[in-house]
Amino acid sequence: MPDLTADETRSLLRALDLAPLDAVDLDEITHRVNAINEAAAALEDPEADAIDPIPVFWLTAEGEEHGDAG
C-alpha cells in the first residue's frame, strides 16, 4: 500500500469530523498513519483464510435458551 499524502490524511480526518491544529500536526498524523498501515501490512497469518469467522454477537435463539428473552 503506498503511503498516504498529507492531503489524503486531511480528507480522512475530515471524514471523521477532525482537523489537525497546524501543518506540523498534519505531518505527524500522516507519518503515524503510514507507520500503522506499514506495520499492519507486515502482519501475516498464512492460515487466516482457512479459519471460519466467529460471530461477535450472540444469536437471538442462543439468548432465549439462557432465559434472556421474555
PDB file of N, CA and C in Angstrom:
ATOM      1  N   MET A   1       0.843  -1.174   0.000  1.00  0.00           N
ATOM      2  CA  MET A   1       0.000   0.000   0.000  1.00  0.00           C
ATOM      3  C   MET A   1       0.893   1.243   0.000  1.00  0.00           C
ATOM      4  N   PRO A   2       0.684   2.134  -0.921  1.00  0.00           N
ATOM      5  CA  PRO A   2       1.510   3.351  -0.952  1.00  0.00           C
ATOM      6  C   PRO A   2       1.176   4.266   0.225  1.00  0.00           C
ATOM      7  N   ASP A   3       2.168   5.033   0.625  1.00  0.00           N
ATOM      8  CA  ASP A   3       1.955   5.969   1.735  1.00  0.00           C
ATOM      9  C   ASP A   3       0.896   7.001   1.381  1.00  0.00           C
ATOM     10  N   LEU A   4       0.126   7.392   2.388  1.00  0.00           N
ATOM     11  CA  LEU A   4      -0.851   8.461   2.206  1.00  0.00           C
ATOM     12  C   LEU A   4      -0.137   9.803   2.152  1.00  0.00           C
ATOM     13  N   THR A   5      -0.661  10.699   1.373  1.00  0.00           N
ATOM     14  CA  THR A   5      -0.135  12.062   1.333  1.00  0.00           C
ATOM     15  C   THR A   5      -0.809  12.864   2.441  1.00  0.00           C
ATOM     16  N   ALA A   6      -0.299  14.045   2.692  1.00  0.00           N
ATOM     17  CA  ALA A   6      -0.907  14.918   3.695  1.00  0.00           C
ATOM     18  C   ALA A   6      -2.345  15.275   3.302  1.00  0.00           C
ATOM     19  N   ASP A   7      -2.582  15.502   2.016  1.00  0.00           N
ATOM     20  CA  ASP A   7      -3.941  15.812   1.557  1.00  0.00           C
ATOM     21  C   ASP A   7      -4.893  14.639   1.766  1.00  0.00           C
ATOM     22  N   GLU A   8      -4.419  13.422   1.520  1.00  0.00           N
ATOM     23  CA  GLU A   8      -5.255  12.248   1.750  1.00  0.00           C
ATOM     24  C   GLU A   8      -5.566  12.078   3.234  1.00  0.00           C
ATOM     25  N   THR A   9      -4.564  12.328   4.071  1.00  0.00           N
ATOM     26  CA  THR A   9      -4.776  12.245   5.515  1.00  0.00           C
ATOM     27  C   THR A   9      -5.770  13.307   5.961  1.00  0.00           C
ATOM     28  N   ARG A  10      -5.651  14.507   5.430  1.00  0.00           N
ATOM     29  CA  ARG A  10      -6.585  15.588   5.769  1.00  0.00           C
ATOM     30  C   ARG A  10      -8.017  15.187   5.395  1.00  0.00           C
ATOM     31  N   SER A  11      -8.185  14.555   4.253  1.00  0.00           N
ATOM     32  CA  SER A  11      -9.508  14.091   3.823  1.00  0.00           C
ATOM     33  C   SER A  11     -10.065  13.040   4.778  1.00  0.00           C
ATOM     34  N   LEU A  12      -9.201  12.112   5.208  1.00  0.00           N
ATOM     35  CA  LEU A  12      -9.640  11.105   6.168  1.00  0.00           C
ATOM     36  C   LEU A  12     -10.056  11.754   7.490  1.00  0.00           C
ATOM     37  N   LEU A  13      -9.291  12.739   7.926  1.00  0.00           N
ATOM     38  CA  LEU A  13      -9.631  13.446   9.166  1.00  0.00           C
ATOM     39  C   LEU A  13     -10.968  14.172   9.038  1.00  0.00           C
ATOM     40  N   ARG A  14     -11.190  14.806   7.895  1.00  0.00           N
ATOM     41  CA  ARG A  14     -12.472  15.493   7.672  1.00  0.00           C
ATOM     42  C   ARG A  14     -13.634  14.522   7.742  1.00  0.00           C
ATOM     43  N   ALA A  15     -13.443  13.313   7.202  1.00  0.00           N
ATOM     44  CA  ALA A  15     -14.494  12.296   7.230  1.00  0.00           C
ATOM     45  C   ALA A  15     -14.849  11.911   8.659  1.00  0.00           C
ATOM     46  N   LEU A  16     -13.886  12.050   9.568  1.00  0.00           N
ATOM     47  CA  LEU A  16     -14.109  11.755  10.984  1.00  0.00           C
ATOM     48  C   LEU A  16     -14.484  13.001  11.776  1.00  0.00           C
ATOM     49  N   ASP A  17     -14.700  14.103  11.064  1.00  0.00           N
ATOM     50  CA  ASP A  17     -15.021  15.393  11.676  1.00  0.00           C
ATOM     51  C   ASP A  17     -13.903  15.862  12.608  1.00  0.00           C
ATOM     52  N   LEU A  18     -12.658  15.652  12.158  1.00  0.00           N
ATOM     53  CA  LEU A  18     -11.470  16.082  12.889  1.00  0.00           C
ATOM     54  C   LEU A  18     -10.645  16.997  11.996  1.00  0.00           C
ATOM     55  N   ALA A  19      -9.773  17.767  12.624  1.00  0.00           N
ATOM     56  CA  ALA A  19      -8.880  18.638  11.862  1.00  0.00           C
ATOM     57  C   ALA A  19      -7.573  18.812  12.639  1.00  0.00           C
ATOM     58  N   PRO A  20      -6.437  18.754  11.948  1.00  0.00           N
ATOM     59  CA  PRO A  20      -5.165  18.994  12.631  1.00  0.00           C
ATOM     60  C   PRO A  20      -5.063  20.461  13.037  1.00  0.00           C
ATOM     61  N   LEU A  21      -4.283  20.718  14.080  1.00  0.00           N
ATOM     62  CA  LEU A  21      -4.113  22.091  14.553  1.00  0.00           C
ATOM     63  C   LEU A  21      -3.308  22.933  13.584  1.00  0.00           C
ATOM     64  N   ASP A  22      -2.298  22.304  12.968  1.00  0.00           N
ATOM     65  CA  ASP A  22      -1.453  23.032  12.022  1.00  0.00           C
ATOM     66  C   ASP A  22      -0.740  22.035  11.113  1.00  0.00           C
ATOM     67  N   ALA A  23       0.117  22.543  10.235  1.00  0.00           N
ATOM     68  CA  ALA A  23       0.814  21.691   9.266  1.00  0.00           C
ATOM     69  C   ALA A  23       1.741  20.689   9.955  1.00  0.00           C
ATOM     70  N   VAL A  24       2.336  21.089  11.069  1.00  0.00           N
ATOM     71  CA  VAL A  24       3.226  20.174  11.798  1.00  0.00           C
ATOM     72  C   VAL A  24       2.427  18.983  12.323  1.00  0.00           C
ATOM     73  N   ASP A  25       1.244  19.256  12.881  1.00  0.00           N
ATOM     74  CA  ASP A  25       0.390  18.166  13.347  1.00  0.00           C
ATOM     75  C   ASP A  25      -0.045  17.264  12.194  1.00  0.00           C
ATOM     76  N   LEU A  26      -0.396  17.860  11.080  1.00  0.00           N
ATOM     77  CA  LEU A  26      -0.812  17.079   9.922  1.00  0.00           C
ATOM     78  C   LEU A  26       0.321  16.170   9.456  1.00  0.00           C
ATOM     79  N   ASP A  27       1.534  16.682   9.423  1.00  0.00           N
ATOM     80  CA  ASP A  27       2.685  15.864   9.025  1.00  0.00           C
ATOM     81  C   ASP A  27       2.887  14.705   9.996  1.00  0.00           C
ATOM     82  N   GLU A  28       2.744  14.968  11.289  1.00  0.00           N
ATOM     83  CA  GLU A  28       2.920  13.920  12.306  1.00  0.00           C
ATOM     84  C   GLU A  28       1.820  12.872  12.201  1.00  0.00           C
ATOM     85  N   ILE A  29       0.591  13.313  12.017  1.00  0.00           N
ATOM     86  CA  ILE A  29      -0.527  12.373  11.870  1.00  0.00           C
ATOM     87  C   ILE A  29      -0.326  11.519  10.623  1.00  0.00           C
ATOM     88  N   THR A  30       0.067  12.135   9.531  1.00  0.00           N
ATOM     89  CA  THR A  30       0.315  11.406   8.284  1.00  0.00           C
ATOM     90  C   THR A  30       1.403  10.360   8.492  1.00  0.00           C
ATOM     91  N   HIS A  31       2.475  10.753   9.154  1.00  0.00           N
ATOM     92  CA  HIS A  31       3.577   9.829   9.426  1.00  0.00           C
ATOM     93  C   HIS A  31       3.095   8.643  10.257  1.00  0.00           C
ATOM     94  N   ARG A  32       2.316   8.904  11.291  1.00  0.00           N
ATOM     95  CA  ARG A  32       1.846   7.831  12.172  1.00  0.00           C
ATOM     96  C   ARG A  32       0.870   6.901  11.463  1.00  0.00           C
ATOM     97  N   VAL A  33      -0.039   7.446  10.679  1.00  0.00           N
ATOM     98  CA  VAL A  33      -0.987   6.612   9.936  1.00  0.00           C
ATOM     99  C   VAL A  33      -0.227   5.718   8.952  1.00  0.00           C
ATOM    100  N   ASN A  34       0.752   6.280   8.271  1.00  0.00           N
ATOM    101  CA  ASN A  34       1.551   5.484   7.342  1.00  0.00           C
ATOM    102  C   ASN A  34       2.333   4.393   8.071  1.00  0.00           C
ATOM    103  N   ALA A  35       2.854   4.694   9.255  1.00  0.00           N
ATOM    104  CA  ALA A  35       3.589   3.692  10.037  1.00  0.00           C
ATOM    105  C   ALA A  35       2.666   2.566  10.483  1.00  0.00           C
ATOM    106  N   ILE A  36       1.463   2.910  10.904  1.00  0.00           N
ATOM    107  CA  ILE A  36       0.490   1.886  11.325  1.00  0.00           C
ATOM    108  C   ILE A  36       0.099   1.019  10.125  1.00  0.00           C
ATOM    109  N   ASN A  37      -0.155   1.649   8.985  1.00  0.00           N
ATOM    110  CA  ASN A  37      -0.501   0.882   7.783  1.00  0.00           C
ATOM    111  C   ASN A  37       0.622  -0.068   7.383  1.00  0.00           C
ATOM    112  N   GLU A  38       1.854   0.396   7.480  1.00  0.00           N
ATOM    113  CA  GLU A  38       3.000  -0.440   7.129  1.00  0.00           C
ATOM    114  C   GLU A  38       3.128  -1.617   8.095  1.00  0.00           C
ATOM    115  N   ALA A  39       2.951  -1.355   9.389  1.00  0.00           N
ATOM    116  CA  ALA A  39       3.042  -2.427  10.388  1.00  0.00           C
ATOM    117  C   ALA A  39       1.920  -3.447  10.189  1.00  0.00           C
ATOM    118  N   ALA A  40       0.717  -2.980   9.908  1.00  0.00           N
ATOM    119  CA  ALA A  40      -0.410  -3.891   9.702  1.00  0.00           C
ATOM    120  C   ALA A  40      -0.208  -4.737   8.449  1.00  0.00           C
ATOM    121  N   ALA A  41       0.360  -4.146   7.417  1.00  0.00           N
ATOM    122  CA  ALA A  41       0.609  -4.885   6.180  1.00  0.00           C
ATOM    123  C   ALA A  41       1.666  -5.975   6.378  1.00  0.00           C
ATOM    124  N   ALA A  42       2.552  -5.779   7.341  1.00  0.00           N
ATOM    125  CA  ALA A  42       3.614  -6.748   7.595  1.00  0.00           C
ATOM    126  C   ALA A  42       3.119  -7.958   8.391  1.00  0.00           C
ATOM    127  N   LEU A  43       1.946  -7.838   9.012  1.00  0.00           N
ATOM    128  CA  LEU A  43       1.407  -8.965   9.768  1.00  0.00           C
ATOM    129  C   LEU A  43       0.954 -10.050   8.806  1.00  0.00           C
ATOM    130  N   GLU A  44       1.346 -11.258   9.105  1.00  0.00           N
ATOM    131  CA  GLU A  44       0.976 -12.364   8.238  1.00  0.00           C
ATOM    132  C   GLU A  44       0.433 -13.507   9.084  1.00  0.00           C
ATOM    133  N   ASP A  45      -0.615 -14.105   8.606  1.00  0.00           N
ATOM    134  CA  ASP A  45      -1.157 -15.320   9.190  1.00  0.00           C
ATOM    135  C   ASP A  45      -1.577 -16.199   8.026  1.00  0.00           C
ATOM    136  N   PRO A  46      -0.696 -17.084   7.587  1.00  0.00           N
ATOM    137  CA  PRO A  46      -0.980 -17.863   6.385  1.00  0.00           C
ATOM    138  C   PRO A  46      -2.235 -18.728   6.497  1.00  0.00           C
ATOM    139  N   GLU A  47      -2.683 -19.035   7.706  1.00  0.00           N
ATOM    140  CA  GLU A  47      -3.862 -19.881   7.865  1.00  0.00           C
ATOM    141  C   GLU A  47      -5.132 -19.062   8.118  1.00  0.00           C
ATOM    142  N   ALA A  48      -5.052 -17.744   8.043  1.00  0.00           N
ATOM    143  CA  ALA A  48      -6.208 -16.905   8.344  1.00  0.00           C
ATOM    144  C   ALA A  48      -7.371 -17.183   7.400  1.00  0.00           C
ATOM    145  N   ASP A  49      -7.088 -17.518   6.164  1.00  0.00           N
ATOM    146  CA  ASP A  49      -8.163 -17.806   5.210  1.00  0.00           C
ATOM    147  C   ASP A  49      -8.778 -19.184   5.434  1.00  0.00           C
ATOM    148  N   ALA A  50      -8.116 -20.048   6.176  1.00  0.00           N
ATOM    149  CA  ALA A  50      -8.612 -21.401   6.402  1.00  0.00           C
ATOM    150  C   ALA A  50      -9.523 -21.486   7.625  1.00  0.00           C
ATOM    151  N   ILE A  51      -9.592 -20.416   8.415  1.00  0.00           N
ATOM    152  CA  ILE A  51     -10.383 -20.421   9.645  1.00  0.00           C
ATOM    153  C   ILE A  51     -11.718 -19.739   9.384  1.00  0.00           C
ATOM    154  N   ASP A  52     -12.807 -20.401   9.784  1.00  0.00           N
ATOM    155  CA  ASP A  52     -14.126 -19.790   9.640  1.00  0.00           C
ATOM    156  C   ASP A  52     -14.268 -18.641  10.631  1.00  0.00           C
ATOM    157  N   PRO A  53     -14.873 -17.537  10.191  1.00  0.00           N
ATOM    158  CA  PRO A  53     -15.060 -16.409  11.108  1.00  0.00           C
ATOM    159  C   PRO A  53     -16.018 -16.776  12.237  1.00  0.00           C
ATOM    160  N   ILE A  54     -15.793 -16.192  13.391  1.00  0.00           N
ATOM    161  CA  ILE A  54     -16.631 -16.428  14.564  1.00  0.00           C
ATOM    162  C   ILE A  54     -17.480 -15.183  14.785  1.00  0.00           C
ATOM    163  N   PRO A  55     -18.804 -15.348  14.926  1.00  0.00           N
ATOM    164  CA  PRO A  55     -19.646 -14.164  15.141  1.00  0.00           C
ATOM    165  C   PRO A  55     -19.330 -13.499  16.474  1.00  0.00           C
ATOM    166  N   VAL A  56     -19.397 -12.196  16.484  1.00  0.00           N
ATOM    167  CA  VAL A  56     -19.110 -11.439  17.691  1.00  0.00           C
ATOM    168  C   VAL A  56     -20.360 -11.339  18.569  1.00  0.00           C
ATOM    169  N   PHE A  57     -21.524 -11.243  17.941  1.00  0.00           N
ATOM    170  CA  PHE A  57     -22.775 -11.075  18.670  1.00  0.00           C
ATOM    171  C   PHE A  57     -23.505 -12.405  18.739  1.00  0.00           C
ATOM    172  N   TRP A  58     -24.106 -12.674  19.867  1.00  0.00           N
ATOM    173  CA  TRP A  58     -24.861 -13.914  20.043  1.00  0.00           C
ATOM    174  C   TRP A  58     -26.158 -13.833  19.265  1.00  0.00           C
ATOM    175  N   LEU A  59     -26.594 -14.958  18.774  1.00  0.00           N
ATOM    176  CA  LEU A  59     -27.861 -15.036  18.068  1.00  0.00           C
ATOM    177  C   LEU A  59     -29.010 -14.931  19.067  1.00  0.00           C
ATOM    178  N   THR A  60     -30.150 -14.429  18.620  1.00  0.00           N
ATOM    179  CA  THR A  60     -31.318 -14.300  19.496  1.00  0.00           C
ATOM    180  C   THR A  60     -31.718 -15.656  20.057  1.00  0.00           C
ATOM    181  N   ALA A  61     -31.654 -16.681  19.236  1.00  0.00           N
ATOM    182  CA  ALA A  61     -32.032 -18.025  19.696  1.00  0.00           C
ATOM    183  C   ALA A  61     -31.149 -18.461  20.851  1.00  0.00           C
ATOM    184  N   GLU A  62     -29.881 -18.134  20.833  1.00  0.00           N
ATOM    185  CA  GLU A  62     -28.995 -18.509  21.928  1.00  0.00           C
ATOM    186  C   GLU A  62     -29.391 -17.768  23.198  1.00  0.00           C
ATOM    187  N   GLY A  63     -29.765 -16.506  23.068  1.00  0.00           N
ATOM    188  CA  GLY A  63     -30.194 -15.747  24.231  1.00  0.00           C
ATOM    189  C   GLY A  63     -31.457 -16.325  24.843  1.00  0.00           C
ATOM    190  N   GLU A  64     -32.381 -16.831  24.015  1.00  0.00           N
ATOM    191  CA  GLU A  64     -33.616 -17.412  24.509  1.00  0.00           C
ATOM    192  C   GLU A  64     -33.349 -18.700  25.252  1.00  0.00           C
ATOM    193  N   GLU A  65     -32.333 -19.456  24.826  1.00  0.00           N
ATOM    194  CA  GLU A  65     -32.003 -20.698  25.505  1.00  0.00           C
ATOM    195  C   GLU A  65     -31.574 -20.451  26.941  1.00  0.00           C
ATOM    196  N   HIS A  66     -30.990 -19.304  27.196  1.00  0.00           N
ATOM    197  CA  HIS A  66     -30.488 -18.987  28.525  1.00  0.00           C
ATOM    198  C   HIS A  66     -31.494 -18.206  29.350  1.00  0.00           C
ATOM    199  N   GLY A  67     -32.718 -18.089  28.854  1.00  0.00           N
ATOM    200  CA  GLY A  67     -33.748 -17.390  29.590  1.00  0.00           C
ATOM    201  C   GLY A  67     -33.623 -15.875  29.509  1.00  0.00           C
ATOM    202  N   ASP A  68     -32.859 -15.360  28.544  1.00  0.00           N
ATOM    203  CA  ASP A  68     -32.679 -13.915  28.430  1.00  0.00           C
ATOM    204  C   ASP A  68     -33.867 -13.240  27.771  1.00  0.00           C
ATOM    205  N   ALA A  69     -34.611 -13.953  26.948  1.00  0.00           N
ATOM    206  CA  ALA A  69     -35.742 -13.355  26.239  1.00  0.00           C
ATOM    207  C   ALA A  69     -37.001 -13.488  27.070  1.00  0.00           C
ATOM    208  N   GLY A  70     -37.887 -12.495  26.947  1.00  0.00           N
ATOM    209  CA  GLY A  70     -39.066 -12.517  27.797  1.00  0.00           C
ATOM    210  C   GLY A  70     -40.207 -12.963  27.072  1.00  0.00           C
TER     211      GLY A  70
END
